[in-house]
Amino acid sequence: KLSALGYGDIHLSTLEKSGEGKNEALYLNVIAP
């Protein structure tokens, strides 16, 4: 998914987690050029 979005080399620690329990999801949150 990250590769398809053009962020295949992004550091995973910069990804955002949001939600609780089963609803927790991972978000890409960056400033794009």
Full PDB file with SEQRES, HELIX, SHEET, SSBOND, CRYST1, ORIGX, SCALE, CONECT and MASTER records, all heavy atoms in Angstrom:
SEQRES   1 A   33  LYS LEU SER ALA LEU GLY TYR GLY ASP ILE HIS LEU SER          
SEQRES   2 A   33  THR LEU GLU LYS SER GLY GLU GLY LYS ASN GLU ALA LEU          
SEQRES   3 A   33  TYR LEU ASN VAL ILE ALA PRO                                  
HELIX    1 AA1 LEU A   12  THR A   14  5                                   3    
HELIX    2 AA2 GLY A   21  ASN A   23  5                                   3    
SHEET    1 AA1 2 GLU A  16  SER A  18  0                                        
SHEET    2 AA1 2 ALA A  25  TYR A  27 -1                                        
CRYST1    1.000    1.000    1.000  90.00  90.00  90.00 P 1           1          
ORIGX1      1.000000  0.000000  0.000000        0.00000                         
ORIGX2      0.000000  1.000000  0.000000        0.00000                         
ORIGX3      0.000000  0.000000  1.000000        0.00000                         
SCALE1      1.000000  0.000000  0.000000        0.00000                         
SCALE2      0.000000  1.000000  0.000000        0.00000                         
SCALE3      0.000000  0.000000  1.000000        0.00000                         
ATOM      1  N   LYS A   1       0.831  -1.201   0.000  1.00  0.00           N  
ATOM      2  CA  LYS A   1       0.000   0.000   0.000  1.00  0.00           C  
ATOM      3  C   LYS A   1       0.864   1.249   0.000  1.00  0.00           C  
ATOM      4  O   LYS A   1       0.626   2.202  -0.759  1.00  0.00           O  
ATOM      5  CB  LYS A   1      -0.909  -0.011   1.236  1.00  0.00           C  
ATOM      6  CG  LYS A   1      -1.851   1.176   1.359  1.00  0.00           C  
ATOM      7  CD  LYS A   1      -3.143   0.916   0.644  1.00  0.00           C  
ATOM      8  CE  LYS A   1      -4.170   1.989   0.953  1.00  0.00           C  
ATOM      9  NZ  LYS A   1      -5.430   1.782   0.251  1.00  0.00           N  
ATOM     10  N   LEU A   2       1.901   1.267   0.840  1.00  0.00           N  
ATOM     11  CA  LEU A   2       2.803   2.424   0.907  1.00  0.00           C  
ATOM     12  C   LEU A   2       3.526   2.615  -0.415  1.00  0.00           C  
ATOM     13  O   LEU A   2       3.696   3.748  -0.892  1.00  0.00           O  
ATOM     14  CB  LEU A   2       3.808   2.238   2.046  1.00  0.00           C  
ATOM     15  CG  LEU A   2       3.243   2.379   3.458  1.00  0.00           C  
ATOM     16  CD1 LEU A   2       4.267   1.921   4.495  1.00  0.00           C  
ATOM     17  CD2 LEU A   2       2.828   3.823   3.721  1.00  0.00           C  
ATOM     18  N   SER A   3       3.951   1.526  -1.013  1.00  0.00           N  
ATOM     19  CA  SER A   3       4.660   1.606  -2.284  1.00  0.00           C  
ATOM     20  C   SER A   3       3.762   2.172  -3.375  1.00  0.00           C  
ATOM     21  O   SER A   3       4.190   2.999  -4.191  1.00  0.00           O  
ATOM     22  CB  SER A   3       5.168   0.223  -2.682  1.00  0.00           C  
ATOM     23  OG  SER A   3       5.853   0.282  -3.912  1.00  0.00           O  
ATOM     24  N   ALA A   4       2.513   1.736  -3.372  1.00  0.00           N  
ATOM     25  CA  ALA A   4       1.575   2.219  -4.385  1.00  0.00           C  
ATOM     26  C   ALA A   4       1.320   3.716  -4.251  1.00  0.00           C  
ATOM     27  O   ALA A   4       1.079   4.406  -5.245  1.00  0.00           O  
ATOM     28  CB  ALA A   4       0.256   1.452  -4.267  1.00  0.00           C  
ATOM     29  N   LEU A   5       1.408   4.221  -3.017  1.00  0.00           N  
ATOM     30  CA  LEU A   5       1.198   5.650  -2.768  1.00  0.00           C  
ATOM     31  C   LEU A   5       2.462   6.465  -2.980  1.00  0.00           C  
ATOM     32  O   LEU A   5       2.433   7.701  -2.870  1.00  0.00           O  
ATOM     33  CB  LEU A   5       0.673   5.868  -1.343  1.00  0.00           C  
ATOM     34  CG  LEU A   5      -0.732   5.314  -1.058  1.00  0.00           C  
ATOM     35  CD1 LEU A   5      -1.035   5.400   0.439  1.00  0.00           C  
ATOM     36  CD2 LEU A   5      -1.782   6.081  -1.856  1.00  0.00           C  
ATOM     37  N   GLY A   6       3.572   5.790  -3.272  1.00  0.00           N  
ATOM     38  CA  GLY A   6       4.825   6.501  -3.491  1.00  0.00           C  
ATOM     39  C   GLY A   6       5.611   6.757  -2.218  1.00  0.00           C  
ATOM     40  O   GLY A   6       6.518   7.597  -2.203  1.00  0.00           O  
ATOM     41  N   TYR A   7       5.289   6.038  -1.142  1.00  0.00           N  
ATOM     42  CA  TYR A   7       5.982   6.230   0.144  1.00  0.00           C  
ATOM     43  C   TYR A   7       6.575   4.901   0.627  1.00  0.00           C  
ATOM     44  O   TYR A   7       6.534   4.574   1.811  1.00  0.00           O  
ATOM     45  CB  TYR A   7       5.001   6.786   1.192  1.00  0.00           C  
ATOM     46  CG  TYR A   7       4.575   8.206   0.903  1.00  0.00           C  
ATOM     47  CD1 TYR A   7       3.419   8.460   0.173  1.00  0.00           C  
ATOM     48  CD2 TYR A   7       5.349   9.281   1.340  1.00  0.00           C  
ATOM     49  CE1 TYR A   7       3.028   9.761  -0.115  1.00  0.00           C  
ATOM     50  CE2 TYR A   7       4.954  10.587   1.063  1.00  0.00           C  
ATOM     51  CZ  TYR A   7       3.802  10.820   0.334  1.00  0.00           C  
ATOM     52  OH  TYR A   7       3.428  12.109   0.055  1.00  0.00           O  
ATOM     53  N   GLY A   8       7.142   4.142  -0.302  1.00  0.00           N  
ATOM     54  CA  GLY A   8       7.702   2.847   0.056  1.00  0.00           C  
ATOM     55  C   GLY A   8       8.892   2.925   0.989  1.00  0.00           C  
ATOM     56  O   GLY A   8       9.184   1.970   1.730  1.00  0.00           O  
ATOM     57  N   ASP A   9       9.593   4.085   1.010  1.00  0.00           N  
ATOM     58  CA  ASP A   9      10.789   4.209   1.854  1.00  0.00           C  
ATOM     59  C   ASP A   9      10.532   4.998   3.132  1.00  0.00           C  
ATOM     60  O   ASP A   9      11.467   5.372   3.844  1.00  0.00           O  
ATOM     61  CB  ASP A   9      11.917   4.875   1.057  1.00  0.00           C  
ATOM     62  CG  ASP A   9      11.501   6.241   0.515  1.00  0.00           C  
ATOM     63  OD1 ASP A   9      10.288   6.578   0.625  1.00  0.00           O  
ATOM     64  OD2 ASP A   9      12.361   6.961  -0.027  1.00  0.00           O  
ATOM     65  N   ILE A  10       9.257   5.268   3.438  1.00  0.00           N  
ATOM     66  CA  ILE A  10       8.953   6.061   4.628  1.00  0.00           C  
ATOM     67  C   ILE A  10       9.254   5.249   5.885  1.00  0.00           C  
ATOM     68  O   ILE A  10       9.100   4.012   5.909  1.00  0.00           O  
ATOM     69  CB  ILE A  10       7.471   6.513   4.614  1.00  0.00           C  
ATOM     70  CG1 ILE A  10       7.231   7.604   5.662  1.00  0.00           C  
ATOM     71  CG2 ILE A  10       6.535   5.324   4.842  1.00  0.00           C  
ATOM     72  CD1 ILE A  10       5.854   8.241   5.548  1.00  0.00           C  
ATOM     73  N   HIS A  11       9.719   5.932   6.942  1.00  0.00           N  
ATOM     74  CA  HIS A  11       9.994   5.256   8.218  1.00  0.00           C  
ATOM     75  C   HIS A  11       8.668   4.933   8.885  1.00  0.00           C  
ATOM     76  O   HIS A  11       7.799   5.806   9.046  1.00  0.00           O  
ATOM     77  CB  HIS A  11      10.857   6.146   9.116  1.00  0.00           C  
ATOM     78  CG  HIS A  11      11.560   5.362  10.197  1.00  0.00           C  
ATOM     79  ND1 HIS A  11      10.906   4.880  11.306  1.00  0.00           N  
ATOM     80  CD2 HIS A  11      12.853   4.960  10.309  1.00  0.00           C  
ATOM     81  CE1 HIS A  11      11.752   4.225  12.086  1.00  0.00           C  
ATOM     82  NE2 HIS A  11      12.962   4.258  11.493  1.00  0.00           N  
ATOM     83  N   LEU A  12       8.501   3.663   9.266  1.00  0.00           N  
ATOM     84  CA  LEU A  12       7.218   3.225   9.813  1.00  0.00           C  
ATOM     85  C   LEU A  12       6.839   3.954  11.095  1.00  0.00           C  
ATOM     86  O   LEU A  12       5.657   4.075  11.427  1.00  0.00           O  
ATOM     87  CB  LEU A  12       7.248   1.719  10.069  1.00  0.00           C  
ATOM     88  CG  LEU A  12       7.427   0.839   8.812  1.00  0.00           C  
ATOM     89  CD1 LEU A  12       7.446  -0.628   9.202  1.00  0.00           C  
ATOM     90  CD2 LEU A  12       6.310   1.103   7.813  1.00  0.00           C  
ATOM     91  N   SER A  13       7.828   4.472  11.825  1.00  0.00           N  
ATOM     92  CA  SER A  13       7.533   5.164  13.089  1.00  0.00           C  
ATOM     93  C   SER A  13       6.798   6.478  12.865  1.00  0.00           C  
ATOM     94  O   SER A  13       6.212   7.034  13.794  1.00  0.00           O  
ATOM     95  CB  SER A  13       8.842   5.426  13.852  1.00  0.00           C  
ATOM     96  OG  SER A  13       9.686   6.285  13.090  1.00  0.00           O  
ATOM     97  N   THR A  14       6.836   6.984  11.610  1.00  0.00           N  
ATOM     98  CA  THR A  14       6.154   8.252  11.315  1.00  0.00           C  
ATOM     99  C   THR A  14       4.674   8.052  11.006  1.00  0.00           C  
ATOM    100  O   THR A  14       3.935   9.019  10.892  1.00  0.00           O  
ATOM    101  CB  THR A  14       6.825   8.959  10.129  1.00  0.00           C  
ATOM    102  OG1 THR A  14       6.682   8.124   8.967  1.00  0.00           O  
ATOM    103  CG2 THR A  14       8.293   9.219  10.402  1.00  0.00           C  
ATOM    104  N   LEU A  15       4.243   6.803  10.856  1.00  0.00           N  
ATOM    105  CA  LEU A  15       2.837   6.543  10.563  1.00  0.00           C  
ATOM    106  C   LEU A  15       1.994   6.766  11.814  1.00  0.00           C  
ATOM    107  O   LEU A  15       2.442   6.532  12.939  1.00  0.00           O  
ATOM    108  CB  LEU A  15       2.657   5.125  10.049  1.00  0.00           C  
ATOM    109  CG  LEU A  15       3.397   4.789   8.742  1.00  0.00           C  
ATOM    110  CD1 LEU A  15       3.162   3.332   8.365  1.00  0.00           C  
ATOM    111  CD2 LEU A  15       2.963   5.708   7.616  1.00  0.00           C  
ATOM    112  N   GLU A  16       0.773   7.197  11.620  1.00  0.00           N  
ATOM    113  CA  GLU A  16      -0.118   7.570  12.728  1.00  0.00           C  
ATOM    114  C   GLU A  16      -1.111   6.453  13.013  1.00  0.00           C  
ATOM    115  O   GLU A  16      -1.681   5.874  12.094  1.00  0.00           O  
ATOM    116  CB  GLU A  16      -0.873   8.851  12.358  1.00  0.00           C  
ATOM    117  CG  GLU A  16      -1.946   9.260  13.352  1.00  0.00           C  
ATOM    118  CD  GLU A  16      -2.865  10.343  12.807  1.00  0.00           C  
ATOM    119  OE1 GLU A  16      -2.477  11.021  11.828  1.00  0.00           O  
ATOM    120  OE2 GLU A  16      -3.969  10.497  13.356  1.00  0.00           O  
ATOM    121  N   LYS A  17      -1.296   6.165  14.317  1.00  0.00           N  
ATOM    122  CA  LYS A  17      -2.332   5.230  14.738  1.00  0.00           C  
ATOM    123  C   LYS A  17      -3.504   6.018  15.298  1.00  0.00           C  
ATOM    124  O   LYS A  17      -3.310   6.974  16.053  1.00  0.00           O  
ATOM    125  CB  LYS A  17      -1.804   4.270  15.789  1.00  0.00           C  
ATOM    126  CG  LYS A  17      -0.771   3.265  15.276  1.00  0.00           C  
ATOM    127  CD  LYS A  17      -0.324   2.315  16.387  1.00  0.00           C  
ATOM    128  CE  LYS A  17       0.707   1.315  15.877  1.00  0.00           C  
ATOM    129  NZ  LYS A  17       1.174   0.403  16.957  1.00  0.00           N  
ATOM    130  N   SER A  18      -4.688   5.615  14.913  1.00  0.00           N  
ATOM    131  CA  SER A  18      -5.874   6.324  15.379  1.00  0.00           C  
ATOM    132  C   SER A  18      -6.997   5.317  15.609  1.00  0.00           C  
ATOM    133  O   SER A  18      -7.133   4.341  14.874  1.00  0.00           O  
ATOM    134  CB  SER A  18      -6.311   7.366  14.342  1.00  0.00           C  
ATOM    135  OG  SER A  18      -7.439   8.077  14.797  1.00  0.00           O  
ATOM    136  N   GLY A  19      -7.803   5.584  16.650  1.00  0.00           N  
ATOM    137  CA  GLY A  19      -8.890   4.677  16.983  1.00  0.00           C  
ATOM    138  C   GLY A  19      -8.507   3.778  18.146  1.00  0.00           C  
ATOM    139  O   GLY A  19      -7.364   3.773  18.611  1.00  0.00           O  
ATOM    140  N   GLU A  20      -9.483   3.011  18.612  1.00  0.00           N  
ATOM    141  CA  GLU A  20      -9.242   2.128  19.754  1.00  0.00           C  
ATOM    142  C   GLU A  20      -9.707   0.717  19.450  1.00  0.00           C  
ATOM    143  O   GLU A  20     -10.656   0.502  18.695  1.00  0.00           O  
ATOM    144  CB  GLU A  20      -9.980   2.651  20.992  1.00  0.00           C  
ATOM    145  CG  GLU A  20      -9.490   4.006  21.474  1.00  0.00           C  
ATOM    146  CD  GLU A  20     -10.250   4.470  22.714  1.00  0.00           C  
ATOM    147  OE1 GLU A  20     -11.153   3.728  23.163  1.00  0.00           O  
ATOM    148  OE2 GLU A  20      -9.934   5.552  23.217  1.00  0.00           O  
ATOM    149  N   GLY A  21      -9.016  -0.248  20.078  1.00  0.00           N  
ATOM    150  CA  GLY A  21      -9.407  -1.660  19.960  1.00  0.00           C  
ATOM    151  C   GLY A  21      -9.420  -2.134  18.522  1.00  0.00           C  
ATOM    152  O   GLY A  21      -8.486  -1.900  17.752  1.00  0.00           O  
ATOM    153  N   LYS A  22     -10.536  -2.774  18.152  1.00  0.00           N  
ATOM    154  CA  LYS A  22     -10.653  -3.307  16.802  1.00  0.00           C  
ATOM    155  C   LYS A  22     -10.742  -2.215  15.741  1.00  0.00           C  
ATOM    156  O   LYS A  22     -10.513  -2.466  14.550  1.00  0.00           O  
ATOM    157  CB  LYS A  22     -11.896  -4.202  16.704  1.00  0.00           C  
ATOM    158  CG  LYS A  22     -11.807  -5.480  17.527  1.00  0.00           C  
ATOM    159  CD  LYS A  22     -13.060  -6.325  17.332  1.00  0.00           C  
ATOM    160  CE  LYS A  22     -12.983  -7.619  18.149  1.00  0.00           C  
ATOM    161  NZ  LYS A  22     -14.206  -8.447  17.982  1.00  0.00           N  
ATOM    162  N   ASN A  23     -11.076  -0.993  16.162  1.00  0.00           N  
ATOM    163  CA  ASN A  23     -11.232   0.115  15.210  1.00  0.00           C  
ATOM    164  C   ASN A  23      -9.932   0.866  14.962  1.00  0.00           C  
ATOM    165  O   ASN A  23      -9.905   1.822  14.196  1.00  0.00           O  
ATOM    166  CB  ASN A  23     -12.287   1.105  15.714  1.00  0.00           C  
ATOM    167  CG  ASN A  23     -13.668   0.477  15.761  1.00  0.00           C  
ATOM    168  OD1 ASN A  23     -14.016  -0.327  14.886  1.00  0.00           O  
ATOM    169  ND2 ASN A  23     -14.453   0.819  16.773  1.00  0.00           N  
ATOM    170  N   GLU A  24      -8.853   0.438  15.656  1.00  0.00           N  
ATOM    171  CA  GLU A  24      -7.587   1.147  15.477  1.00  0.00           C  
ATOM    172  C   GLU A  24      -7.054   0.913  14.058  1.00  0.00           C  
ATOM    173  O   GLU A  24      -7.046  -0.212  13.555  1.00  0.00           O  
ATOM    174  CB  GLU A  24      -6.553   0.671  16.499  1.00  0.00           C  
ATOM    175  CG  GLU A  24      -5.256   1.489  16.444  1.00  0.00           C  
ATOM    176  CD  GLU A  24      -4.226   1.002  17.453  1.00  0.00           C  
ATOM    177  OE1 GLU A  24      -3.812  -0.178  17.333  1.00  0.00           O  
ATOM    178  OE2 GLU A  24      -3.853   1.781  18.329  1.00  0.00           O  
ATOM    179  N   ALA A  25      -6.641   2.010  13.409  1.00  0.00           N  
ATOM    180  CA  ALA A  25      -6.140   1.923  12.043  1.00  0.00           C  
ATOM    181  C   ALA A  25      -4.864   2.735  11.910  1.00  0.00           C  
ATOM    182  O   ALA A  25      -4.563   3.612  12.741  1.00  0.00           O  
ATOM    183  CB  ALA A  25      -7.187   2.410  11.056  1.00  0.00           C  
ATOM    184  N   LEU A  26      -4.155   2.443  10.845  1.00  0.00           N  
ATOM    185  CA  LEU A  26      -2.888   3.115  10.569  1.00  0.00           C  
ATOM    186  C   LEU A  26      -3.115   4.146   9.464  1.00  0.00           C  
ATOM    187  O   LEU A  26      -3.761   3.856   8.453  1.00  0.00           O  
ATOM    188  CB  LEU A  26      -1.849   2.085  10.117  1.00  0.00           C  
ATOM    189  CG  LEU A  26      -0.375   2.472  10.256  1.00  0.00           C  
ATOM    190  CD1 LEU A  26      -0.016   2.729  11.723  1.00  0.00           C  
ATOM    191  CD2 LEU A  26       0.500   1.368   9.675  1.00  0.00           C  
ATOM    192  N   TYR A  27      -2.581   5.360   9.670  1.00  0.00           N  
ATOM    193  CA  TYR A  27      -2.773   6.450   8.717  1.00  0.00           C  
ATOM    194  C   TYR A  27      -1.432   6.979   8.241  1.00  0.00           C  
ATOM    195  O   TYR A  27      -0.460   7.031   9.002  1.00  0.00           O  
ATOM    196  CB  TYR A  27      -3.549   7.603   9.361  1.00  0.00           C  
ATOM    197  CG  TYR A  27      -5.015   7.313   9.553  1.00  0.00           C  
ATOM    198  CD1 TYR A  27      -5.453   6.568  10.652  1.00  0.00           C  
ATOM    199  CD2 TYR A  27      -5.967   7.784   8.661  1.00  0.00           C  
ATOM    200  CE1 TYR A  27      -6.800   6.290  10.845  1.00  0.00           C  
ATOM    201  CE2 TYR A  27      -7.319   7.520   8.845  1.00  0.00           C  
ATOM    202  CZ  TYR A  27      -7.728   6.780   9.940  1.00  0.00           C  
ATOM    203  OH  TYR A  27      -9.062   6.526  10.117  1.00  0.00           O  
ATOM    204  N   LEU A  28      -1.415   7.368   6.978  1.00  0.00           N  
ATOM    205  CA  LEU A  28      -0.278   8.106   6.436  1.00  0.00           C  
ATOM    206  C   LEU A  28      -0.554   9.578   6.688  1.00  0.00           C  
ATOM    207  O   LEU A  28      -1.596  10.097   6.301  1.00  0.00           O  
ATOM    208  CB  LEU A  28      -0.142   7.838   4.927  1.00  0.00           C  
ATOM    209  CG  LEU A  28       0.939   8.630   4.191  1.00  0.00           C  
ATOM    210  CD1 LEU A  28       2.328   8.163   4.621  1.00  0.00           C  
ATOM    211  CD2 LEU A  28       0.779   8.473   2.676  1.00  0.00           C  
ATOM    212  N   ASN A  29       0.362  10.262   7.333  1.00  0.00           N  
ATOM    213  CA  ASN A  29       0.160  11.679   7.657  1.00  0.00           C  
ATOM    214  C   ASN A  29       1.465  12.418   7.374  1.00  0.00           C  
ATOM    215  O   ASN A  29       2.380  12.434   8.187  1.00  0.00           O  
ATOM    216  CB  ASN A  29      -0.239  11.829   9.128  1.00  0.00           C  
ATOM    217  CG  ASN A  29      -0.848  13.198   9.408  1.00  0.00           C  
ATOM    218  OD1 ASN A  29      -0.711  14.121   8.606  1.00  0.00           O  
ATOM    219  ND2 ASN A  29      -1.519  13.331  10.537  1.00  0.00           N  
ATOM    220  N   VAL A  30       1.541  13.012   6.168  1.00  0.00           N  
ATOM    221  CA  VAL A  30       2.791  13.644   5.746  1.00  0.00           C  
ATOM    222  C   VAL A  30       2.505  14.968   5.059  1.00  0.00           C  
ATOM    223  O   VAL A  30       1.368  15.277   4.716  1.00  0.00           O  
ATOM    224  CB  VAL A  30       3.568  12.733   4.775  1.00  0.00           C  
ATOM    225  CG1 VAL A  30       3.997  11.441   5.448  1.00  0.00           C  
ATOM    226  CG2 VAL A  30       2.734  12.439   3.528  1.00  0.00           C  
ATOM    227  N   ILE A  31       3.561  15.729   4.853  1.00  0.00           N  
ATOM    228  CA  ILE A  31       3.505  16.932   4.019  1.00  0.00           C  
ATOM    229  C   ILE A  31       4.103  16.550   2.670  1.00  0.00           C  
ATOM    230  O   ILE A  31       5.285  16.232   2.573  1.00  0.00           O  
ATOM    231  CB  ILE A  31       4.296  18.106   4.644  1.00  0.00           C  
ATOM    232  CG1 ILE A  31       3.707  18.466   6.007  1.00  0.00           C  
ATOM    233  CG2 ILE A  31       4.275  19.300   3.704  1.00  0.00           C  
ATOM    234  CD1 ILE A  31       2.273  18.952   5.948  1.00  0.00           C  
ATOM    235  N   ALA A  32       3.245  16.545   1.646  1.00  0.00           N  
ATOM    236  CA  ALA A  32       3.691  16.121   0.313  1.00  0.00           C  
ATOM    237  C   ALA A  32       4.216  17.316  -0.471  1.00  0.00           C  
ATOM    238  O   ALA A  32       3.668  18.422  -0.370  1.00  0.00           O  
ATOM    239  CB  ALA A  32       2.540  15.473  -0.435  1.00  0.00           C  
ATOM    240  N   PRO A  33       5.263  17.098  -1.248  1.00  0.00           N  
ATOM    241  CA  PRO A  33       5.794  18.200  -2.057  1.00  0.00           C  
ATOM    242  C   PRO A  33       4.834  18.550  -3.188  1.00  0.00           C  
ATOM    243  O   PRO A  33       4.212  17.661  -3.788  1.00  0.00           O  
ATOM    244  CB  PRO A  33       7.108  17.639  -2.597  1.00  0.00           C  
ATOM    245  CG  PRO A  33       6.917  16.162  -2.599  1.00  0.00           C  
ATOM    246  CD  PRO A  33       6.043  15.863  -1.413  1.00  0.00           C  
TER     247      PRO A  33                                                      
MASTER        0    0    0    2    2    0    0    6  246    1    0    3          
END                                                                             
